[in-house]
Structure formats: C-alpha cells, structure tokens
Amino acid sequence: MSTEYCLVLCTCPDAKTAETLAADVVAERLATCVNIVPGLTSVYPWEGKIETAQEHLLLMKTETAAFEALEVFVREKHPYELPEVIAVPVLRGSTAYLDWISEWLHRKS
C-alpha cells in the first residue's frame, strides 16, 4: 500500500506566530515543509459578528497518518481559541518530493 499525503492549512494572526509554528512543526517532524503566505484577509463569523482579520496562511506538507498528531500540536501551540486546521488530500505529486516528505518524517535524529 502506498503512503497517502495531505496539505494542511492553518491561518496565523501574524508573521512571528506563523514563523514560530512553522519551525516547530518541522522540528517535531509533523510536517516536512511549511510555506508561509502573508497578506491573507479572512472574513468569518465569530461570537455573533462578522470579523475581518489580516492573517498569514501556513501550507504544511505531511503524510495523512501524521494529521492527528499535527492537529493536536497546532491546537496546543496556537494562540487562537479555534485555529483552522484543515487537511486536503494530495492526489498526485512528484515521487521524489513525496519521498522527501516521508524521509524527513521518519528520519531517526
């Protein structure tokens, strides 16, 4: 059976939070690569009002089997009461790139 991969999305309130969370996720081997996309505007309902916030989006590449641990880690470290943690399946990808993801996640220090 082949390994399944996913792209996990998470928004952060500022660059410092995004950079810290991205580095920690990679250091903990919960994702292999995290892209930070600044300048995102989010519009969402919260506590009875429509809110607008400037955020940074994290794009975390990992194996689907690592999602649960990644979600728990993000929820523990994230400043939001309810952080976005959404996994999108990777249907296809460069074999070499996907192998690189798995090699990092399973590397013995």
Protein backbone atom coordinates (compact mmCIF):
# COMPACT_ATOMS: atom_id res chain seq x y z
CA MET A 1 0.00 0.00 0.00
CA SER A 2 1.38 3.42 -0.90
CA THR A 3 1.68 6.30 1.54
CA GLU A 4 -1.02 8.97 1.47
CA TYR A 5 -0.14 12.64 1.77
CA CYS A 6 -2.03 15.80 2.62
CA LEU A 7 -1.65 19.56 2.58
CA VAL A 8 -2.70 21.06 5.91
CA LEU A 9 -3.94 24.65 6.01
CA CYS A 10 -3.68 26.85 9.10
CA THR A 11 -4.03 30.61 9.49
CA CYS A 12 -2.00 32.64 11.99
CA PRO A 13 -2.54 36.16 13.32
CA ASP A 14 0.95 37.49 12.50
CA ALA A 15 4.34 36.71 10.98
CA LYS A 16 6.01 35.81 14.29
CA THR A 17 3.33 33.25 15.18
CA ALA A 18 3.46 31.79 11.66
CA GLU A 19 7.26 31.52 11.63
CA THR A 20 7.44 30.00 15.12
CA LEU A 21 4.68 27.48 14.48
CA ALA A 22 6.14 26.51 11.08
CA ALA A 23 9.61 25.95 12.55
CA ASP A 24 8.23 23.97 15.50
CA VAL A 25 6.09 21.73 13.27
CA VAL A 26 9.09 20.87 11.08
CA ALA A 27 11.40 20.39 14.09
CA GLU A 28 8.87 17.98 15.64
CA ARG A 29 8.72 16.07 12.31
CA LEU A 30 4.98 16.60 11.96
CA ALA A 31 5.42 18.18 8.51
CA THR A 32 8.38 18.33 6.16
CA CYS A 33 7.84 21.69 4.54
CA VAL A 34 5.72 24.66 5.60
CA ASN A 35 5.10 27.60 3.29
CA ILE A 36 4.04 30.90 4.86
CA VAL A 37 1.77 33.04 2.72
CA PRO A 38 1.48 36.57 4.17
CA GLY A 39 -1.16 39.18 3.46
CA LEU A 40 -4.23 36.99 3.66
CA THR A 41 -7.56 38.64 4.51
CA SER A 42 -10.02 36.36 6.29
CA VAL A 43 -13.73 37.08 6.76
CA TYR A 44 -15.60 34.85 9.21
CA PRO A 45 -18.39 34.83 11.81
CA TRP A 46 -17.24 34.91 15.44
CA GLU A 47 -19.26 35.47 18.60
CA GLY A 48 -22.26 36.87 16.73
CA LYS A 49 -20.36 39.27 14.48
CA ILE A 50 -18.73 39.15 11.07
CA GLU A 51 -14.99 39.65 11.61
CA THR A 52 -12.23 40.59 9.18
CA ALA A 53 -8.60 39.84 10.01
CA GLN A 54 -5.23 40.07 8.31
CA GLU A 55 -3.53 36.70 8.65
CA HIS A 56 -0.67 34.51 7.43
CA LEU A 57 -1.52 31.15 5.89
CA LEU A 58 0.56 28.06 6.60
CA LEU A 59 0.67 25.32 3.95
CA MET A 60 2.05 22.23 5.68
CA LYS A 61 3.06 19.15 3.69
CA THR A 62 2.84 15.84 5.56
CA GLU A 63 1.63 12.27 5.49
CA THR A 64 -2.07 11.73 6.16
CA ALA A 65 -1.14 9.40 9.03
CA ALA A 66 0.56 12.35 10.79
CA PHE A 67 -2.50 14.62 10.63
CA GLU A 68 -3.93 13.78 14.04
CA ALA A 69 -0.65 14.49 15.85
CA LEU A 70 -0.16 17.66 13.80
CA GLU A 71 -3.66 18.87 14.66
CA VAL A 72 -3.12 18.29 18.40
CA PHE A 73 0.26 20.07 18.27
CA VAL A 74 -1.17 23.09 16.43
CA ARG A 75 -4.15 23.36 18.78
CA GLU A 76 -1.82 23.31 21.81
CA LYS A 77 0.62 25.92 20.41
CA HIS A 78 -1.74 28.24 18.52
CA PRO A 79 -2.97 31.49 20.11
CA TYR A 80 -6.47 31.22 18.60
CA GLU A 81 -9.26 29.63 20.62
CA LEU A 82 -10.29 27.72 17.49
CA PRO A 83 -7.43 27.53 14.98
CA GLU A 84 -8.03 26.45 11.41
CA VAL A 85 -6.50 23.02 10.81
CA ILE A 86 -7.81 21.57 7.55
CA ALA A 87 -6.26 18.74 5.56
CA VAL A 88 -6.62 18.49 1.80
CA PRO A 89 -5.57 15.18 0.24
CA VAL A 90 -2.71 15.16 -2.24
CA LEU A 91 -3.95 13.11 -5.17
CA ARG A 92 -0.67 13.12 -7.09
CA GLY A 93 2.78 14.55 -6.73
CA SER A 94 6.37 14.18 -7.77
CA THR A 95 7.56 10.83 -6.44
CA ALA A 96 10.90 12.34 -5.42
CA TYR A 97 9.17 15.17 -3.50
CA LEU A 98 6.74 12.83 -1.75
CA ASP A 99 9.63 10.50 -0.84
CA TRP A 100 11.44 13.51 0.63
CA ILE A 101 8.41 14.26 2.83
CA SER A 102 8.40 10.71 4.18
CA GLU A 103 12.17 10.56 4.64
CA TRP A 104 12.11 13.63 6.92
CA LEU A 105 9.09 12.47 8.92
CA HIS A 106 10.63 9.04 9.59
CA ARG A 107 14.30 10.04 9.93
CA LYS A 108 15.95 8.96 13.15
CA SER A 109 17.63 12.07 14.59
